[in-house]
């Protein structure tokens, strides 16, 4: 997506009275660009290999990235993205183009590129959730590659196919290459975590040496639930796993630092409610700093997240407003790239953007459309929401704003709470008569309305001001 360089301004939001949210915007106070935290996971696969008709929704929402993990169903549908699908016979000659099966993934990559979405390419395999179920079901592909060096050379040829035209391939932009995903457990890596570290330590330096201009990282950590809330961890039935995830991250970061492994980005996940997920993002940021991986050196990539994953939340204003609040929080926090899990159009609680019965967007999709009105203006905005005593307001009430090069202004507000919130919007020097307002709430979806005096419960509001 083409980015326009713009002036950037700060937003300060505070509570003037106990029940009034006052949002003040200064269009002259620049703080940075709006970040690409509005990426998605798997794209909608309806019409795959034909015309991919639902990809247009990604274009219309200005989605910058689609992370290619768990694409196509179980085992990657047997045809998409996963290394065993791209290179079916591991014992074959990795230098022979005839031993690769690119056609199906080529169709996906072309569809993404045609709609302005950059692939965030996961090198690895699709999750096998049945591993560990009672019955001793075997891992089919999540065991480690039997030759780490050869696996790295196979990945090299995949990268050359999509970025350098090897084997009748492409020369499109695919900057980020993620090595594996969630290797802390058997569903994704059926071996001790130390073996994954050996895999990363073999493959990442090799690929970085071949492609110094590209970004390599990983490892799609299961997350930092166990690093943030000790009381929750002790109470949780899976407490040992939560602590294990943090221990693995520390082991990995220490080894990467001590052995000089390339780590252009570190990726991690969370399915917590927005406020807790954002605490985990800040924890990840501090943990990377602790091991010497500053933001200048290593990007923070939050590439699996979803507020309130449940069948009951799908299509609701509850989930749409929480997703909007999390997008705003990610923009204002120490996160460089984020991808919601996910943008598939299918049944299941992890498909929040599209209704598989109608093949139309859920309410949460329009939260991404609202955020894109900020990002296309190119700004980054700092928001503080406080009551009259300087305390933090009710979680979920937040705002961000952006100004375009033409002087237009967009302000995005989210009220993820269950109560109506009176608010006042003050845009410094606002003298634009043609303001517009759109709302997402329990009864309306991206409807244009007069600017209200209160934020409805579980709502998203976008207010736009014309150029001066």
Protein backbone atom coordinates (compact mmCIF):
# COMPACT_ATOMS: atom_id res chain seq x y z
CA UNK A 1 0.00 0.00 0.00
CA UNK A 2 1.38 3.39 -0.98
CA UNK A 3 2.23 5.45 2.07
CA UNK A 4 1.97 9.21 2.09
CA UNK A 5 4.41 11.06 4.30
CA UNK A 6 2.50 13.43 6.50
CA UNK A 7 2.71 15.77 9.40
CA UNK A 8 1.94 13.93 12.60
CA UNK A 9 0.21 15.11 15.69
CA UNK A 10 -0.51 14.05 19.23
CA UNK A 11 -3.82 13.31 20.82
CA UNK A 12 -4.43 13.79 24.52
CA UNK A 13 -7.61 12.35 25.97
CA UNK A 14 -8.68 12.89 29.56
CA UNK A 15 -11.75 12.89 31.73
CA UNK A 16 -12.85 16.47 32.44
CA UNK A 17 -15.67 15.28 34.65
CA UNK A 18 -16.25 11.90 36.21
CA UNK A 19 -18.58 10.82 33.43
CA UNK A 20 -17.31 12.78 30.41
CA UNK A 21 -14.53 11.70 28.10
CA UNK A 22 -12.84 14.76 26.66
CA UNK A 23 -10.61 14.14 23.65
CA UNK A 24 -8.25 16.94 22.67
CA UNK A 25 -6.37 16.80 19.37
CA UNK A 26 -3.44 19.01 18.39
CA UNK A 27 -2.83 18.57 14.64
CA UNK A 28 0.58 20.28 14.90
CA UNK A 29 2.16 17.92 17.46
CA UNK A 30 3.79 15.16 15.39
CA UNK A 31 4.83 11.88 17.04
CA UNK A 32 5.42 9.40 14.17
CA UNK A 33 3.80 7.40 11.45
CA UNK A 34 0.79 5.17 11.95
CA UNK A 35 2.21 1.67 12.21
CA UNK A 36 1.11 -1.40 10.20
CA UNK A 37 -0.58 -3.07 13.15
CA UNK A 38 -3.65 -3.74 10.98
CA UNK A 39 -2.29 -6.86 9.31
CA UNK A 40 -4.19 -10.15 9.19
CA UNK A 41 -3.40 -13.83 9.40
CA UNK A 42 -4.66 -16.25 6.80
CA UNK A 43 -6.54 -14.47 3.99
CA UNK A 44 -10.07 -15.43 2.92
CA UNK A 45 -9.69 -18.51 0.73
CA UNK A 46 -13.15 -18.43 -0.89
CA UNK A 47 -12.68 -18.83 -4.63
CA UNK A 48 -9.10 -20.02 -4.17
CA UNK A 49 -7.23 -20.83 -7.38
CA UNK A 50 -9.90 -19.04 -9.44
CA UNK A 51 -10.57 -15.35 -8.98
CA UNK A 52 -10.11 -15.08 -5.17
CA UNK A 53 -13.10 -12.68 -4.97
CA UNK A 54 -12.87 -11.93 -1.25
CA UNK A 55 -9.33 -10.58 -1.50
CA UNK A 56 -10.87 -7.26 -2.51
CA UNK A 57 -12.02 -6.79 1.07
CA UNK A 58 -8.38 -6.77 2.18
CA UNK A 59 -7.58 -4.14 -0.44
CA UNK A 60 -10.57 -2.00 0.53
CA UNK A 61 -9.53 -2.10 4.20
CA UNK A 62 -5.90 -1.21 3.36
CA UNK A 63 -4.52 -4.39 4.94
CA UNK A 64 -0.70 -4.16 4.75
CA UNK A 65 0.27 -7.78 5.55
CA UNK A 66 -1.18 -11.26 5.51
CA UNK A 67 0.75 -13.74 7.59
CA UNK A 68 0.88 -17.11 5.85
CA UNK A 69 0.54 -19.65 8.64
CA UNK A 70 -2.12 -22.40 8.91
CA UNK A 71 -3.15 -21.51 5.36
CA UNK A 72 -5.52 -23.81 3.50
CA UNK A 73 -6.68 -25.99 6.39
CA UNK A 74 -5.10 -29.07 7.94
CA UNK A 75 -1.57 -29.74 6.67
CA UNK A 76 -1.90 -26.53 4.67
CA UNK A 77 -4.61 -28.23 2.65
CA UNK A 78 -1.81 -30.42 1.36
CA UNK A 79 -0.94 -27.78 -1.23
CA UNK A 80 -0.30 -24.32 0.29
CA UNK A 81 2.77 -22.57 1.79
CA UNK A 82 4.12 -25.26 4.14
CA UNK A 83 7.59 -26.48 3.25
CA UNK A 84 6.40 -30.13 2.82
CA UNK A 85 3.82 -28.83 0.32
CA UNK A 86 6.35 -26.74 -1.59
CA UNK A 87 9.02 -29.47 -1.52
CA UNK A 88 7.18 -32.80 -1.15
CA UNK A 89 10.11 -35.23 -1.24
CA UNK A 90 12.70 -34.18 1.31
CA UNK A 91 15.20 -36.66 -0.11
CA UNK A 92 15.07 -35.08 -3.58
CA UNK A 93 17.66 -32.66 -4.97
CA UNK A 94 16.85 -29.22 -3.55
CA UNK A 95 18.66 -27.50 -6.43
CA UNK A 96 16.34 -28.95 -9.08
CA UNK A 97 13.29 -26.72 -9.77
CA UNK A 98 11.39 -29.81 -10.87
CA UNK A 99 11.28 -31.06 -7.31
CA UNK A 100 9.23 -28.09 -6.07
CA UNK A 101 5.45 -27.67 -6.20
CA UNK A 102 4.86 -23.92 -6.33
CA UNK A 103 1.68 -23.65 -8.42
CA UNK A 104 -0.91 -23.48 -5.64
CA UNK A 105 1.00 -21.08 -3.42
CA UNK A 106 1.84 -19.01 -6.51
CA UNK A 107 -1.88 -18.42 -7.03
CA UNK A 108 -2.24 -17.21 -3.44
CA UNK A 109 0.81 -14.94 -3.63
CA UNK A 110 -0.40 -13.41 -6.90
CA UNK A 111 -3.83 -12.71 -5.42
CA UNK A 112 -2.33 -11.00 -2.39
CA UNK A 113 0.06 -8.94 -4.47
CA UNK A 114 -2.71 -7.89 -6.86
CA UNK A 115 -4.64 -6.51 -3.88
CA UNK A 116 -1.74 -4.62 -2.32
CA UNK A 117 -1.18 -7.08 0.54
CA UNK A 118 2.40 -8.09 1.31
CA UNK A 119 2.87 -11.73 2.38
CA UNK A 120 4.44 -12.26 5.80
CA UNK A 121 5.84 -15.69 4.97
CA UNK A 122 6.10 -18.36 7.63
CA UNK A 123 8.73 -21.01 6.81
CA UNK A 124 7.50 -24.17 8.48
CA UNK A 125 4.33 -26.21 8.86
CA UNK A 126 0.67 -25.93 9.86
CA UNK A 127 -0.34 -26.69 13.44
CA UNK A 128 -1.42 -30.26 14.24
CA UNK A 129 -3.77 -29.83 17.18
CA UNK A 130 -4.47 -33.55 17.45
CA UNK A 131 -0.96 -34.25 18.72
CA UNK A 132 -1.29 -34.80 22.45
CA UNK A 133 -4.97 -35.79 22.32
CA UNK A 134 -5.83 -39.06 24.05
CA UNK A 135 -5.16 -41.86 21.63
CA UNK A 136 -1.53 -41.02 20.89
CA UNK A 137 -2.17 -39.51 17.48
CA UNK A 138 1.15 -39.05 15.70
CA UNK A 139 2.75 -35.87 14.47
CA UNK A 140 2.76 -35.96 10.68
CA UNK A 141 4.90 -32.94 9.85
CA UNK A 142 5.70 -31.13 13.09
CA UNK A 143 8.75 -33.25 13.80
CA UNK A 144 12.04 -31.44 13.14
CA UNK A 145 13.50 -31.62 9.63
CA UNK A 146 15.90 -34.53 9.47
CA UNK A 147 18.65 -32.33 7.97
CA UNK A 148 18.64 -28.74 9.21
CA UNK A 149 21.15 -27.51 6.64
CA UNK A 150 19.20 -28.98 3.75
CA UNK A 151 15.97 -27.52 5.13
CA UNK A 152 17.67 -24.13 5.08
CA UNK A 153 18.70 -24.60 1.45
CA UNK A 154 15.12 -25.54 0.54
CA UNK A 155 13.93 -22.33 2.21
CA UNK A 156 16.57 -20.44 0.24
CA UNK A 157 15.07 -21.65 -3.02
CA UNK A 158 11.56 -20.78 -1.86
CA UNK A 159 12.73 -17.24 -1.14
CA UNK A 160 14.48 -17.01 -4.50
CA UNK A 161 11.31 -18.20 -6.24
CA UNK A 162 9.17 -15.43 -4.76
CA UNK A 163 11.67 -12.57 -4.70
CA UNK A 164 14.23 -13.28 -7.46
CA UNK A 165 12.24 -15.17 -10.10
CA UNK A 166 13.94 -18.54 -9.62
CA UNK A 167 12.03 -21.46 -11.18
CA UNK A 168 9.71 -19.19 -13.18
CA UNK A 169 8.89 -17.29 -10.06
CA UNK A 170 8.25 -13.71 -8.96
CA UNK A 171 10.10 -10.56 -8.06
CA UNK A 172 7.58 -9.16 -5.61
CA UNK A 173 8.16 -7.65 -2.18
CA UNK A 174 8.20 -10.30 0.55
CA UNK A 175 10.41 -8.78 3.19
CA UNK A 176 9.63 -10.79 6.32
CA UNK A 177 10.46 -14.51 6.61
CA UNK A 178 9.47 -16.19 9.86
CA UNK A 179 11.23 -19.38 10.91
CA UNK A 180 8.66 -21.81 12.30
CA UNK A 181 5.79 -21.05 14.68
CA UNK A 182 5.08 -21.83 18.35
CA UNK A 183 7.84 -24.45 18.73
CA UNK A 184 7.31 -24.71 22.50
CA UNK A 185 4.84 -27.62 22.17
CA UNK A 186 4.30 -30.85 20.25
CA UNK A 187 1.38 -29.51 18.21
CA UNK A 188 3.91 -27.39 16.34
CA UNK A 189 7.33 -28.92 17.05
CA UNK A 190 7.44 -32.53 18.21
CA UNK A 191 10.84 -32.32 19.87
CA UNK A 192 12.48 -30.53 22.79
CA UNK A 193 12.76 -26.75 22.45
CA UNK A 194 16.53 -27.05 22.32
CA UNK A 195 16.21 -28.78 18.97
CA UNK A 196 14.27 -25.82 17.62
CA UNK A 197 17.02 -23.51 18.83
CA UNK A 198 19.51 -25.65 16.94
CA UNK A 199 17.31 -25.39 13.84
CA UNK A 200 17.08 -21.60 14.11
CA UNK A 201 20.80 -21.30 14.83
CA UNK A 202 21.52 -23.27 11.64
CA UNK A 203 18.98 -21.74 9.26
CA UNK A 204 18.75 -18.06 10.24
CA UNK A 205 22.47 -17.25 9.78
CA UNK A 206 22.50 -19.16 6.49
CA UNK A 207 19.49 -17.33 5.05
CA UNK A 208 20.64 -13.93 6.29
CA UNK A 209 23.97 -14.53 4.59
CA UNK A 210 22.20 -15.26 1.31
CA UNK A 211 19.67 -12.42 1.61
CA UNK A 212 21.11 -9.64 3.78
CA UNK A 213 18.45 -7.21 2.51
CA UNK A 214 15.56 -9.34 3.82
CA UNK A 215 14.34 -9.77 7.40
CA UNK A 216 14.51 -13.07 9.24
CA UNK A 217 13.14 -13.85 12.65
CA UNK A 218 10.73 -15.86 14.68
CA UNK A 219 9.68 -17.77 16.38
CA UNK A 220 5.99 -17.12 16.86
CA UNK A 221 6.17 -17.51 20.65
CA UNK A 222 3.02 -18.86 22.31
CA UNK A 223 3.16 -15.71 24.39
CA UNK A 224 3.87 -14.04 27.68
CA UNK A 225 0.79 -14.76 29.76
CA UNK A 226 3.16 -16.22 32.34
CA UNK A 227 5.41 -13.19 32.44
CA UNK A 228 2.79 -10.61 33.27
CA UNK A 229 0.20 -11.87 35.73
CA UNK A 230 1.67 -14.19 38.35
CA UNK A 231 -1.65 -14.59 40.18
CA UNK A 232 -3.39 -15.69 36.98
CA UNK A 233 -0.59 -18.11 36.15
CA UNK A 234 -0.81 -19.80 39.54
CA UNK A 235 -4.58 -20.15 39.24
CA UNK A 236 -4.56 -21.42 35.65
CA UNK A 237 -4.74 -25.13 35.03
CA UNK A 238 -2.04 -24.73 32.36
CA UNK A 239 0.28 -22.73 34.62
CA UNK A 240 3.35 -24.90 33.82
CA UNK A 241 2.87 -24.24 30.10
CA UNK A 242 2.55 -20.48 30.65
CA UNK A 243 5.82 -20.41 32.56
CA UNK A 244 7.40 -22.70 29.96
CA UNK A 245 6.67 -20.19 27.20
CA UNK A 246 8.55 -17.47 29.07
CA UNK A 247 11.43 -19.80 29.91
CA UNK A 248 11.75 -20.77 26.23
CA UNK A 249 11.83 -17.12 25.16
CA UNK A 250 14.58 -16.37 27.65
CA UNK A 251 16.63 -19.35 26.52
CA UNK A 252 16.21 -18.39 22.89
CA UNK A 253 17.06 -14.71 23.36
CA UNK A 254 20.12 -15.54 25.45
CA UNK A 255 21.39 -17.93 22.76
CA UNK A 256 20.65 -15.47 19.95
CA UNK A 257 22.58 -12.78 21.80
CA UNK A 258 25.51 -14.96 22.79
CA UNK A 259 25.87 -16.72 19.43
CA UNK A 260 25.12 -13.73 17.23
CA UNK A 261 22.10 -15.23 15.47
CA UNK A 262 20.26 -12.77 13.23
CA UNK A 263 16.95 -11.67 14.76
CA UNK A 264 15.48 -8.94 12.61
CA UNK A 265 12.13 -9.43 14.31
CA UNK A 266 10.78 -11.39 17.24
CA UNK A 267 7.19 -12.61 16.88
CA UNK A 268 4.79 -13.59 19.64
CA UNK A 269 1.09 -14.23 20.29
CA UNK A 270 -1.77 -13.60 22.71
CA UNK A 271 -5.49 -14.29 22.82
CA UNK A 272 -6.13 -12.26 25.95
CA UNK A 273 -8.58 -9.38 26.31
CA UNK A 274 -7.16 -6.07 24.97
CA UNK A 275 -5.82 -4.58 28.20
CA UNK A 276 -4.06 -7.81 29.19
CA UNK A 277 -2.74 -8.42 25.66
CA UNK A 278 -1.23 -4.94 25.61
CA UNK A 279 0.46 -5.62 28.94
CA UNK A 280 2.02 -8.69 27.34
CA UNK A 281 3.22 -6.62 24.37
CA UNK A 282 4.95 -4.26 26.78
CA UNK A 283 6.46 -7.24 28.60
CA UNK A 284 7.83 -8.63 25.32
CA UNK A 285 9.32 -5.22 24.56
CA UNK A 286 11.07 -5.07 27.94
CA UNK A 287 12.27 -8.68 27.64
CA UNK A 288 13.86 -8.00 24.26
CA UNK A 289 15.52 -4.90 25.66
CA UNK A 290 16.84 -6.95 28.57
CA UNK A 291 18.72 -9.23 26.16
CA UNK A 292 20.03 -6.38 24.02
CA UNK A 293 17.51 -6.60 21.18
CA UNK A 294 16.41 -2.99 21.08
CA UNK A 295 13.66 -1.76 18.77
CA UNK A 296 16.29 -0.30 16.46
CA UNK A 297 17.77 -3.79 16.06
CA UNK A 298 14.77 -6.11 16.35
CA UNK A 299 11.16 -5.38 15.38
CA UNK A 300 8.36 -6.39 17.75
CA UNK A 301 5.88 -8.46 15.74
CA UNK A 302 2.58 -9.43 17.39
CA UNK A 303 1.34 -11.74 14.66
CA UNK A 304 -1.39 -13.73 16.33
CA UNK A 305 -3.94 -11.88 18.43
CA UNK A 306 -7.68 -11.85 18.87
CA UNK A 307 -9.88 -10.24 21.49
CA UNK A 308 -12.57 -12.56 22.87
CA UNK A 309 -12.23 -15.62 20.62
CA UNK A 310 -15.57 -17.38 20.95
CA UNK A 311 -18.45 -18.36 18.73
CA UNK A 312 -20.70 -16.05 20.73
CA UNK A 313 -18.51 -13.01 19.93
CA UNK A 314 -18.47 -13.45 16.16
CA UNK A 315 -20.26 -10.64 14.38
CA UNK A 316 -20.95 -8.70 17.57
CA UNK A 317 -20.25 -5.10 18.51
CA UNK A 318 -18.58 -6.52 21.63
CA UNK A 319 -15.80 -8.07 19.58
CA UNK A 320 -15.63 -5.22 17.03
CA UNK A 321 -15.15 -2.59 19.75
CA UNK A 322 -12.56 -4.72 21.57
CA UNK A 323 -10.64 -5.24 18.34
CA UNK A 324 -10.75 -1.49 17.68
CA UNK A 325 -9.46 -0.81 21.18
CA UNK A 326 -6.63 -3.29 20.66
CA UNK A 327 -5.68 -1.76 17.30
CA UNK A 328 -5.49 1.66 18.95
CA UNK A 329 -3.49 0.23 21.86
CA UNK A 330 -1.04 -1.49 19.53
CA UNK A 331 -0.59 1.75 17.59
CA UNK A 332 0.19 3.61 20.79
CA UNK A 333 2.41 0.88 22.28
CA UNK A 334 5.80 -0.74 21.54
CA UNK A 335 4.64 -2.85 18.59
CA UNK A 336 5.92 -2.53 15.02
CA UNK A 337 3.75 -5.01 13.07
CA UNK A 338 0.65 -6.93 14.13
CA UNK A 339 -1.61 -9.49 12.43
CA UNK A 340 -4.97 -10.56 13.81
CA UNK A 341 -5.76 -14.27 13.75
CA UNK A 342 -7.29 -14.36 11.20
CA UNK A 343 -9.03 -13.24 7.99
CA UNK A 344 -10.39 -16.60 6.86
CA UNK A 345 -14.03 -16.88 5.82
CA UNK A 346 -14.96 -20.10 7.56
CA UNK A 347 -16.64 -21.57 10.59
CA UNK A 348 -14.91 -21.35 13.94
CA UNK A 349 -14.15 -18.82 16.65
CA UNK A 350 -10.88 -17.69 15.09
CA UNK A 351 -12.48 -16.11 12.02
CA UNK A 352 -13.68 -12.74 13.32
CA UNK A 353 -13.76 -10.73 10.09
CA UNK A 354 -16.07 -12.62 7.72
CA UNK A 355 -19.34 -14.54 7.94
CA UNK A 356 -18.95 -17.90 6.14
CA UNK A 357 -22.70 -18.20 5.50
CA UNK A 358 -23.09 -14.84 3.74
CA UNK A 359 -19.43 -14.33 2.70
CA UNK A 360 -19.84 -10.75 3.91
CA UNK A 361 -17.88 -8.85 6.55
CA UNK A 362 -18.60 -9.15 10.25
CA UNK A 363 -18.72 -5.93 12.29
CA UNK A 364 -15.06 -6.37 13.30
CA UNK A 365 -13.95 -5.97 9.68
CA UNK A 366 -15.18 -2.38 9.79
CA UNK A 367 -12.90 -1.67 12.75
CA UNK A 368 -10.05 -2.34 10.33
CA UNK A 369 -11.65 -0.02 7.77
CA UNK A 370 -11.83 2.69 10.44
CA UNK A 371 -8.18 2.19 11.40
CA UNK A 372 -7.17 2.44 7.76
CA UNK A 373 -8.55 5.99 7.70
CA UNK A 374 -5.80 6.80 10.18
CA UNK A 375 -3.08 4.84 8.44
CA UNK A 376 -3.71 6.20 4.98
CA UNK A 377 -3.17 9.66 6.43
CA UNK A 378 0.21 8.40 7.62
CA UNK A 379 0.41 9.53 11.24
CA UNK A 380 1.12 8.02 14.61
CA UNK A 381 -0.76 9.36 17.61
CA UNK A 382 -0.19 9.19 21.34
CA UNK A 383 -3.38 8.90 23.42
CA UNK A 384 -3.84 9.17 27.19
CA UNK A 385 -7.27 8.55 28.69
CA UNK A 386 -7.63 9.87 32.23
CA UNK A 387 -10.23 10.99 34.70
CA UNK A 388 -10.26 14.37 36.41
CA UNK A 389 -8.00 13.07 39.20
CA UNK A 390 -5.37 11.84 36.73
CA UNK A 391 -6.29 8.19 37.11
CA UNK A 392 -6.77 5.89 34.18
CA UNK A 393 -10.29 5.76 32.82
CA UNK A 394 -12.33 2.61 32.32
CA UNK A 395 -10.35 0.15 30.16
CA UNK A 396 -11.43 0.08 26.55
CA UNK A 397 -12.11 3.81 26.18
CA UNK A 398 -9.37 5.10 23.90
CA UNK A 399 -8.66 7.33 20.91
CA UNK A 400 -6.15 7.88 18.14
CA UNK A 401 -5.98 10.49 15.41
CA UNK A 402 -4.17 11.29 12.18
CA UNK A 403 -3.66 14.20 9.82
CA UNK A 404 -3.03 13.91 6.12
CA UNK A 405 -0.76 16.00 3.96
CA UNK A 406 -3.86 17.81 2.73
CA UNK A 407 -4.71 18.87 6.28
CA UNK A 408 -7.59 16.43 6.72
CA UNK A 409 -7.98 14.88 10.15
CA UNK A 410 -9.45 11.55 11.28
CA UNK A 411 -10.11 10.59 14.88
CA UNK A 412 -10.89 6.98 15.86
CA UNK A 413 -12.54 6.30 19.21
CA UNK A 414 -13.44 3.00 20.83
CA UNK A 415 -15.67 2.29 23.80
CA UNK A 416 -15.30 -1.41 24.54
CA UNK A 417 -17.19 -1.04 27.79
CA UNK A 418 -20.80 -1.90 28.49
CA UNK A 419 -21.88 1.65 29.37
CA UNK A 420 -22.53 4.76 27.29
CA UNK A 421 -19.77 7.37 27.64
CA UNK A 422 -20.54 11.07 27.12
CA UNK A 423 -17.62 12.68 25.34
CA UNK A 424 -16.44 15.97 23.86
CA UNK A 425 -14.07 16.17 20.90
CA UNK A 426 -11.83 19.21 20.65
CA UNK A 427 -9.64 19.46 17.54
CA UNK A 428 -7.33 22.44 17.96
CA UNK A 429 -7.98 25.15 15.38
CA UNK A 430 -10.79 23.05 13.88
CA UNK A 431 -12.62 25.24 11.42
CA UNK A 432 -13.78 22.61 9.01
CA UNK A 433 -17.51 22.65 8.41
CA UNK A 434 -17.65 19.35 6.55
CA UNK A 435 -17.02 16.83 9.34
CA UNK A 436 -18.38 13.30 8.93
CA UNK A 437 -18.95 10.59 11.48
CA UNK A 438 -19.42 6.83 11.17
CA UNK A 439 -20.36 4.38 13.89
CA UNK A 440 -20.15 0.65 14.62
CA UNK A 441 -22.31 -0.48 17.52
CA UNK A 442 -24.90 -3.10 18.42
CA UNK A 443 -27.50 -1.84 15.93
CA UNK A 444 -25.42 -0.03 13.28
CA UNK A 445 -22.49 -1.10 11.10
CA UNK A 446 -20.32 1.63 9.57
CA UNK A 447 -23.32 3.95 9.35
CA UNK A 448 -22.86 7.66 8.75
CA UNK A 449 -24.49 9.66 11.54
CA UNK A 450 -24.34 13.16 13.06
CA UNK A 451 -21.55 13.34 15.63
CA UNK A 452 -23.14 12.13 18.88
CA UNK A 453 -22.71 13.55 22.36
CA UNK A 454 -21.95 10.12 23.79
CA UNK A 455 -20.13 6.98 22.71
CA UNK A 456 -22.63 4.11 22.68
CA UNK A 457 -21.70 1.00 24.65
CA UNK A 458 -19.44 -1.37 22.73
CA UNK A 459 -18.91 1.02 19.87
CA UNK A 460 -16.37 2.38 17.43
CA UNK A 461 -16.56 5.94 16.11
CA UNK A 462 -14.63 7.54 13.26
CA UNK A 463 -14.86 11.33 12.97
CA UNK A 464 -13.31 12.98 9.90
CA UNK A 465 -12.58 16.66 9.29
CA UNK A 466 -12.05 18.09 5.82
CA UNK A 467 -8.84 19.97 4.99
CA UNK A 468 -8.57 23.50 6.33
